[in-house]
Amino acid sequence: MRSYLILGMCALFLVQYFAELNWLQFVVVGLSLLAFLGSAFKADRFPRWLGIIMMTAGILIESQKERGPRELAMGYS
């Protein structure tokens, strides 16, 4: 299941990159979060918590920049 999520995410990213469909960018971000959560819950205890802490820290740091969801999805710094 996780491998299909990752392959689907990669395929949709390539389609979004070349077709430049803005709405598809949010789908790619959603699939990447689902793939992360699917992998995190199957990991051992220490890597799971390390990944969750790092993902939470990244989300908190990005949310402090007070940008909209479109800029967050695009990864602008």
PDB file of N, CA and C in Angstrom:
ATOM      1  N   MET A   1       0.830  -1.200   0.000  1.00  0.00           N
ATOM      2  CA  MET A   1       0.000   0.000   0.000  1.00  0.00           C
ATOM      3  C   MET A   1       0.873   1.261   0.000  1.00  0.00           C
ATOM      4  N   ARG A   2       1.888   1.290   0.883  1.00  0.00           N
ATOM      5  CA  ARG A   2       2.751   2.468   0.953  1.00  0.00           C
ATOM      6  C   ARG A   2       3.518   2.671  -0.337  1.00  0.00           C
ATOM      7  N   SER A   3       3.956   1.577  -0.940  1.00  0.00           N
ATOM      8  CA  SER A   3       4.716   1.717  -2.181  1.00  0.00           C
ATOM      9  C   SER A   3       3.839   2.271  -3.296  1.00  0.00           C
ATOM     10  N   TYR A   4       2.570   1.914  -3.310  1.00  0.00           N
ATOM     11  CA  TYR A   4       1.654   2.474  -4.311  1.00  0.00           C
ATOM     12  C   TYR A   4       1.421   3.963  -4.069  1.00  0.00           C
ATOM     13  N   LEU A   5       1.352   4.362  -2.818  1.00  0.00           N
ATOM     14  CA  LEU A   5       1.215   5.787  -2.508  1.00  0.00           C
ATOM     15  C   LEU A   5       2.437   6.570  -2.982  1.00  0.00           C
ATOM     16  N   ILE A   6       3.605   6.008  -2.761  1.00  0.00           N
ATOM     17  CA  ILE A   6       4.834   6.701  -3.164  1.00  0.00           C
ATOM     18  C   ILE A   6       4.940   6.747  -4.682  1.00  0.00           C
ATOM     19  N   LEU A   7       4.638   5.645  -5.354  1.00  0.00           N
ATOM     20  CA  LEU A   7       4.669   5.643  -6.821  1.00  0.00           C
ATOM     21  C   LEU A   7       3.619   6.581  -7.398  1.00  0.00           C
ATOM     22  N   GLY A   8       2.432   6.589  -6.818  1.00  0.00           N
ATOM     23  CA  GLY A   8       1.388   7.512  -7.271  1.00  0.00           C
ATOM     24  C   GLY A   8       1.777   8.957  -7.057  1.00  0.00           C
ATOM     25  N   MET A   9       2.410   9.231  -5.927  1.00  0.00           N
ATOM     26  CA  MET A   9       2.863  10.581  -5.635  1.00  0.00           C
ATOM     27  C   MET A   9       3.907  11.022  -6.658  1.00  0.00           C
ATOM     28  N   CYS A  10       4.842  10.140  -6.986  1.00  0.00           N
ATOM     29  CA  CYS A  10       5.875  10.479  -7.974  1.00  0.00           C
ATOM     30  C   CYS A  10       5.274  10.712  -9.353  1.00  0.00           C
ATOM     31  N   ALA A  11       4.341   9.859  -9.753  1.00  0.00           N
ATOM     32  CA  ALA A  11       3.707  10.015 -11.059  1.00  0.00           C
ATOM     33  C   ALA A  11       2.904  11.314 -11.126  1.00  0.00           C
ATOM     34  N   LEU A  12       2.142  11.599 -10.091  1.00  0.00           N
ATOM     35  CA  LEU A  12       1.362  12.841 -10.078  1.00  0.00           C
ATOM     36  C   LEU A  12       2.258  14.065 -10.027  1.00  0.00           C
ATOM     37  N   PHE A  13       3.391  13.970  -9.350  1.00  0.00           N
ATOM     38  CA  PHE A  13       4.325  15.088  -9.335  1.00  0.00           C
ATOM     39  C   PHE A  13       4.844  15.381 -10.734  1.00  0.00           C
ATOM     40  N   LEU A  14       5.198  14.338 -11.477  1.00  0.00           N
ATOM     41  CA  LEU A  14       5.683  14.546 -12.840  1.00  0.00           C
ATOM     42  C   LEU A  14       4.613  15.152 -13.731  1.00  0.00           C
ATOM     43  N   VAL A  15       3.377  14.671 -13.608  1.00  0.00           N
ATOM     44  CA  VAL A  15       2.278  15.244 -14.385  1.00  0.00           C
ATOM     45  C   VAL A  15       2.067  16.702 -14.007  1.00  0.00           C
ATOM     46  N   GLN A  16       2.072  16.985 -12.711  1.00  0.00           N
ATOM     47  CA  GLN A  16       1.874  18.358 -12.247  1.00  0.00           C
ATOM     48  C   GLN A  16       3.011  19.263 -12.694  1.00  0.00           C
ATOM     49  N   TYR A  17       4.222  18.760 -12.686  1.00  0.00           N
ATOM     50  CA  TYR A  17       5.385  19.569 -13.049  1.00  0.00           C
ATOM     51  C   TYR A  17       5.326  19.995 -14.515  1.00  0.00           C
ATOM     52  N   PHE A  18       4.980  19.069 -15.382  1.00  0.00           N
ATOM     53  CA  PHE A  18       4.968  19.394 -16.802  1.00  0.00           C
ATOM     54  C   PHE A  18       3.665  20.040 -17.252  1.00  0.00           C
ATOM     55  N   ALA A  19       2.543  19.667 -16.649  1.00  0.00           N
ATOM     56  CA  ALA A  19       1.251  20.244 -17.043  1.00  0.00           C
ATOM     57  C   ALA A  19       0.957  21.541 -16.310  1.00  0.00           C
ATOM     58  N   GLU A  20       1.667  21.806 -15.207  1.00  0.00           N
ATOM     59  CA  GLU A  20       1.503  23.016 -14.404  1.00  0.00           C
ATOM     60  C   GLU A  20       0.049  23.228 -13.962  1.00  0.00           C
ATOM     61  N   LEU A  21      -0.537  22.174 -13.415  1.00  0.00           N
ATOM     62  CA  LEU A  21      -1.893  22.241 -12.867  1.00  0.00           C
ATOM     63  C   LEU A  21      -1.788  22.560 -11.378  1.00  0.00           C
ATOM     64  N   ASN A  22      -2.250  23.741 -10.999  1.00  0.00           N
ATOM     65  CA  ASN A  22      -2.088  24.186  -9.612  1.00  0.00           C
ATOM     66  C   ASN A  22      -2.852  23.321  -8.623  1.00  0.00           C
ATOM     67  N   TRP A  23      -4.041  22.884  -8.982  1.00  0.00           N
ATOM     68  CA  TRP A  23      -4.843  22.097  -8.049  1.00  0.00           C
ATOM     69  C   TRP A  23      -4.205  20.734  -7.778  1.00  0.00           C
ATOM     70  N   LEU A  24      -3.455  20.222  -8.753  1.00  0.00           N
ATOM     71  CA  LEU A  24      -2.827  18.918  -8.574  1.00  0.00           C
ATOM     72  C   LEU A  24      -1.687  18.970  -7.556  1.00  0.00           C
ATOM     73  N   GLN A  25      -1.161  20.151  -7.348  1.00  0.00           N
ATOM     74  CA  GLN A  25      -0.098  20.330  -6.369  1.00  0.00           C
ATOM     75  C   GLN A  25      -0.580  19.972  -4.963  1.00  0.00           C
ATOM     76  N   PHE A  26      -1.811  20.333  -4.653  1.00  0.00           N
ATOM     77  CA  PHE A  26      -2.364  20.008  -3.335  1.00  0.00           C
ATOM     78  C   PHE A  26      -2.598  18.507  -3.185  1.00  0.00           C
ATOM     79  N   VAL A  27      -2.937  17.848  -4.289  1.00  0.00           N
ATOM     80  CA  VAL A  27      -3.113  16.397  -4.252  1.00  0.00           C
ATOM     81  C   VAL A  27      -1.774  15.716  -3.986  1.00  0.00           C
ATOM     82  N   VAL A  28      -0.707  16.206  -4.619  1.00  0.00           N
ATOM     83  CA  VAL A  28       0.627  15.653  -4.400  1.00  0.00           C
ATOM     84  C   VAL A  28       1.050  15.836  -2.946  1.00  0.00           C
ATOM     85  N   VAL A  29       0.793  17.009  -2.388  1.00  0.00           N
ATOM     86  CA  VAL A  29       1.131  17.256  -0.986  1.00  0.00           C
ATOM     87  C   VAL A  29       0.331  16.315  -0.081  1.00  0.00           C
ATOM     88  N   GLY A  30      -0.945  16.141  -0.361  1.00  0.00           N
ATOM     89  CA  GLY A  30      -1.768  15.231   0.428  1.00  0.00           C
ATOM     90  C   GLY A  30      -1.273  13.792   0.352  1.00  0.00           C
ATOM     91  N   LEU A  31      -0.895  13.351  -0.852  1.00  0.00           N
ATOM     92  CA  LEU A  31      -0.361  11.997  -0.994  1.00  0.00           C
ATOM     93  C   LEU A  31       0.963  11.832  -0.274  1.00  0.00           C
ATOM     94  N   SER A  32       1.783  12.871  -0.288  1.00  0.00           N
ATOM     95  CA  SER A  32       3.058  12.768   0.422  1.00  0.00           C
ATOM     96  C   SER A  32       2.837  12.677   1.931  1.00  0.00           C
ATOM     97  N   LEU A  33       1.856  13.404   2.446  1.00  0.00           N
ATOM     98  CA  LEU A  33       1.546  13.288   3.879  1.00  0.00           C
ATOM     99  C   LEU A  33       0.991  11.910   4.218  1.00  0.00           C
ATOM    100  N   LEU A  34       0.140  11.368   3.341  1.00  0.00           N
ATOM    101  CA  LEU A  34      -0.375  10.016   3.570  1.00  0.00           C
ATOM    102  C   LEU A  34       0.743   8.982   3.515  1.00  0.00           C
ATOM    103  N   ALA A  35       1.665   9.134   2.570  1.00  0.00           N
ATOM    104  CA  ALA A  35       2.790   8.204   2.483  1.00  0.00           C
ATOM    105  C   ALA A  35       3.671   8.304   3.727  1.00  0.00           C
ATOM    106  N   PHE A  36       3.884   9.537   4.202  1.00  0.00           N
ATOM    107  CA  PHE A  36       4.670   9.712   5.425  1.00  0.00           C
ATOM    108  C   PHE A  36       3.989   9.040   6.608  1.00  0.00           C
ATOM    109  N   LEU A  37       2.702   9.290   6.784  1.00  0.00           N
ATOM    110  CA  LEU A  37       1.985   8.695   7.916  1.00  0.00           C
ATOM    111  C   LEU A  37       1.951   7.177   7.823  1.00  0.00           C
ATOM    112  N   GLY A  38       1.748   6.652   6.610  1.00  0.00           N
ATOM    113  CA  GLY A  38       1.751   5.204   6.431  1.00  0.00           C
ATOM    114  C   GLY A  38       3.091   4.586   6.777  1.00  0.00           C
ATOM    115  N   SER A  39       4.167   5.272   6.416  1.00  0.00           N
ATOM    116  CA  SER A  39       5.502   4.764   6.732  1.00  0.00           C
ATOM    117  C   SER A  39       5.842   4.960   8.207  1.00  0.00           C
ATOM    118  N   ALA A  40       5.420   6.075   8.774  1.00  0.00           N
ATOM    119  CA  ALA A  40       5.754   6.362  10.171  1.00  0.00           C
ATOM    120  C   ALA A  40       5.099   5.358  11.116  1.00  0.00           C
ATOM    121  N   PHE A  41       3.878   4.973  10.832  1.00  0.00           N
ATOM    122  CA  PHE A  41       3.195   4.054  11.745  1.00  0.00           C
ATOM    123  C   PHE A  41       3.695   2.618  11.607  1.00  0.00           C
ATOM    124  N   LYS A  42       4.393   2.312  10.531  1.00  0.00           N
ATOM    125  CA  LYS A  42       4.967   0.972  10.366  1.00  0.00           C
ATOM    126  C   LYS A  42       6.421   0.900  10.829  1.00  0.00           C
ATOM    127  N   ALA A  43       7.010   2.041  11.173  1.00  0.00           N
ATOM    128  CA  ALA A  43       8.425   2.080  11.573  1.00  0.00           C
ATOM    129  C   ALA A  43       8.582   1.636  13.025  1.00  0.00           C
ATOM    130  N   ASP A  44       9.827   1.381  13.392  1.00  0.00           N
ATOM    131  CA  ASP A  44      10.127   1.079  14.793  1.00  0.00           C
ATOM    132  C   ASP A  44       9.871   2.314  15.646  1.00  0.00           C
ATOM    133  N   ARG A  45       9.924   2.123  16.949  1.00  0.00           N
ATOM    134  CA  ARG A  45       9.514   3.190  17.862  1.00  0.00           C
ATOM    135  C   ARG A  45      10.367   4.448  17.754  1.00  0.00           C
ATOM    136  N   PHE A  46      11.694   4.349  17.804  1.00  0.00           N
ATOM    137  CA  PHE A  46      12.543   5.542  17.768  1.00  0.00           C
ATOM    138  C   PHE A  46      12.457   6.278  16.424  1.00  0.00           C
ATOM    139  N   PRO A  47      12.590   5.589  15.277  1.00  0.00           N
ATOM    140  CA  PRO A  47      12.459   6.309  14.009  1.00  0.00           C
ATOM    141  C   PRO A  47      11.068   6.926  13.806  1.00  0.00           C
ATOM    142  N   ARG A  48      10.035   6.252  14.307  1.00  0.00           N
ATOM    143  CA  ARG A  48       8.674   6.789  14.191  1.00  0.00           C
ATOM    144  C   ARG A  48       8.566   8.127  14.910  1.00  0.00           C
ATOM    145  N   TRP A  49       9.022   8.175  16.156  1.00  0.00           N
ATOM    146  CA  TRP A  49       8.916   9.422  16.923  1.00  0.00           C
ATOM    147  C   TRP A  49       9.833  10.504  16.383  1.00  0.00           C
ATOM    148  N   LEU A  50      11.008  10.109  15.922  1.00  0.00           N
ATOM    149  CA  LEU A  50      11.916  11.079  15.323  1.00  0.00           C
ATOM    150  C   LEU A  50      11.293  11.704  14.071  1.00  0.00           C
ATOM    151  N   GLY A  51      10.701  10.878  13.224  1.00  0.00           N
ATOM    152  CA  GLY A  51      10.040  11.387  12.023  1.00  0.00           C
ATOM    153  C   GLY A  51       8.852  12.272  12.337  1.00  0.00           C
ATOM    154  N   ILE A  52       8.036  11.867  13.299  1.00  0.00           N
ATOM    155  CA  ILE A  52       6.868  12.667  13.673  1.00  0.00           C
ATOM    156  C   ILE A  52       7.298  14.002  14.269  1.00  0.00           C
ATOM    157  N   ILE A  53       8.330  13.985  15.104  1.00  0.00           N
ATOM    158  CA  ILE A  53       8.822  15.237  15.704  1.00  0.00           C
ATOM    159  C   ILE A  53       9.374  16.158  14.619  1.00  0.00           C
ATOM    160  N   MET A  54      10.143  15.591  13.679  1.00  0.00           N
ATOM    161  CA  MET A  54      10.708  16.419  12.614  1.00  0.00           C
ATOM    162  C   MET A  54       9.620  16.976  11.695  1.00  0.00           C
ATOM    163  N   MET A  55       8.621  16.172  11.370  1.00  0.00           N
ATOM    164  CA  MET A  55       7.520  16.646  10.521  1.00  0.00           C
ATOM    165  C   MET A  55       6.741  17.739  11.240  1.00  0.00           C
ATOM    166  N   THR A  56       6.466  17.554  12.530  1.00  0.00           N
ATOM    167  CA  THR A  56       5.748  18.564  13.304  1.00  0.00           C
ATOM    168  C   THR A  56       6.554  19.856  13.389  1.00  0.00           C
ATOM    169  N   ALA A  57       7.867  19.734  13.612  1.00  0.00           N
ATOM    170  CA  ALA A  57       8.710  20.925  13.676  1.00  0.00           C
ATOM    171  C   ALA A  57       8.714  21.658  12.337  1.00  0.00           C
ATOM    172  N   GLY A  58       8.786  20.925  11.251  1.00  0.00           N
ATOM    173  CA  GLY A  58       8.756  21.548   9.929  1.00  0.00           C
ATOM    174  C   GLY A  58       7.449  22.267   9.658  1.00  0.00           C
ATOM    175  N   ILE A  59       6.344  21.661  10.043  1.00  0.00           N
ATOM    176  CA  ILE A  59       5.036  22.292   9.851  1.00  0.00           C
ATOM    177  C   ILE A  59       4.929  23.550  10.707  1.00  0.00           C
ATOM    178  N   LEU A  60       5.408  23.478  11.949  1.00  0.00           N
ATOM    179  CA  LEU A  60       5.355  24.655  12.821  1.00  0.00           C
ATOM    180  C   LEU A  60       6.248  25.779  12.302  1.00  0.00           C
ATOM    181  N   ILE A  61       7.433  25.452  11.834  1.00  0.00           N
ATOM    182  CA  ILE A  61       8.335  26.479  11.301  1.00  0.00           C
ATOM    183  C   ILE A  61       7.724  27.132  10.066  1.00  0.00           C
ATOM    184  N   GLU A  62       7.162  26.338   9.173  1.00  0.00           N
ATOM    185  CA  GLU A  62       6.555  26.896   7.961  1.00  0.00           C
ATOM    186  C   GLU A  62       5.313  27.715   8.282  1.00  0.00           C
ATOM    187  N   SER A  63       4.561  27.307   9.300  1.00  0.00           N
ATOM    188  CA  SER A  63       3.349  28.061   9.640  1.00  0.00           C
ATOM    189  C   SER A  63       3.693  29.412  10.265  1.00  0.00           C
ATOM    190  N   GLN A  64       4.876  29.536  10.869  1.00  0.00           N
ATOM    191  CA  GLN A  64       5.287  30.807  11.464  1.00  0.00           C
ATOM    192  C   GLN A  64       5.667  31.844  10.415  1.00  0.00           C
ATOM    193  N   LYS A  65       5.882  31.425   9.186  1.00  0.00           N
ATOM    194  CA  LYS A  65       6.235  32.360   8.118  1.00  0.00           C
ATOM    195  C   LYS A  65       5.022  33.111   7.585  1.00  0.00           C
ATOM    196  N   GLU A  66       3.842  32.756   8.043  1.00  0.00           N
ATOM    197  CA  GLU A  66       2.580  33.426   7.712  1.00  0.00           C
ATOM    198  C   GLU A  66       2.357  33.532   6.210  1.00  0.00           C
ATOM    199  N   ARG A  67       2.493  32.408   5.556  1.00  0.00           N
ATOM    200  CA  ARG A  67       2.197  32.344   4.134  1.00  0.00           C
ATOM    201  C   ARG A  67       0.958  31.504   3.941  1.00  0.00           C
ATOM    202  N   GLY A  68       0.385  31.613   2.759  1.00  0.00           N
ATOM    203  CA  GLY A  68      -0.814  30.854   2.454  1.00  0.00           C
ATOM    204  C   GLY A  68      -0.503  29.407   2.108  1.00  0.00           C
ATOM    205  N   PRO A  69      -1.541  28.590   2.002  1.00  0.00           N
ATOM    206  CA  PRO A  69      -1.325  27.169   1.703  1.00  0.00           C
ATOM    207  C   PRO A  69      -0.705  26.938   0.317  1.00  0.00           C
ATOM    208  N   ARG A  70      -0.963  27.838  -0.631  1.00  0.00           N
ATOM    209  CA  ARG A  70      -0.388  27.672  -1.968  1.00  0.00           C
ATOM    210  C   ARG A  70       1.126  27.801  -1.918  1.00  0.00           C
ATOM    211  N   GLU A  71       1.636  28.780  -1.190  1.00  0.00           N
ATOM    212  CA  GLU A  71       3.077  28.958  -1.083  1.00  0.00           C
ATOM    213  C   GLU A  71       3.716  27.820  -0.306  1.00  0.00           C
ATOM    214  N   LEU A  72       3.012  27.314   0.700  1.00  0.00           N
ATOM    215  CA  LEU A  72       3.546  26.177   1.445  1.00  0.00           C
ATOM    216  C   LEU A  72       3.623  24.946   0.571  1.00  0.00           C
ATOM    217  N   ALA A  73       2.602  24.707  -0.254  1.00  0.00           N
ATOM    218  CA  ALA A  73       2.585  23.549  -1.142  1.00  0.00           C
ATOM    219  C   ALA A  73       3.667  23.665  -2.205  1.00  0.00           C
ATOM    220  N   MET A  74       3.958  24.873  -2.643  1.00  0.00           N
ATOM    221  CA  MET A  74       4.967  25.059  -3.677  1.00  0.00           C
ATOM    222  C   MET A  74       6.379  25.001  -3.101  1.00  0.00           C
ATOM    223  N   GLY A  75       6.530  25.187  -1.794  1.00  0.00           N
ATOM    224  CA  GLY A  75       7.815  25.070  -1.143  1.00  0.00           C
ATOM    225  C   GLY A  75       8.694  26.292  -1.276  1.00  0.00           C
ATOM    226  N   TYR A  76       8.085  27.441  -1.480  1.00  0.00           N
ATOM    227  CA  TYR A  76       8.881  28.680  -1.572  1.00  0.00           C
ATOM    228  C   TYR A  76       9.472  28.998  -0.217  1.00  0.00           C
ATOM    229  N   SER A  77      10.676  29.521  -0.231  1.00  0.00           N
ATOM    230  CA  SER A  77      11.306  29.912   1.035  1.00  0.00           C
ATOM    231  C   SER A  77      11.300  31.408   1.212  1.00  0.00           C
TER     232      SER A  77
END
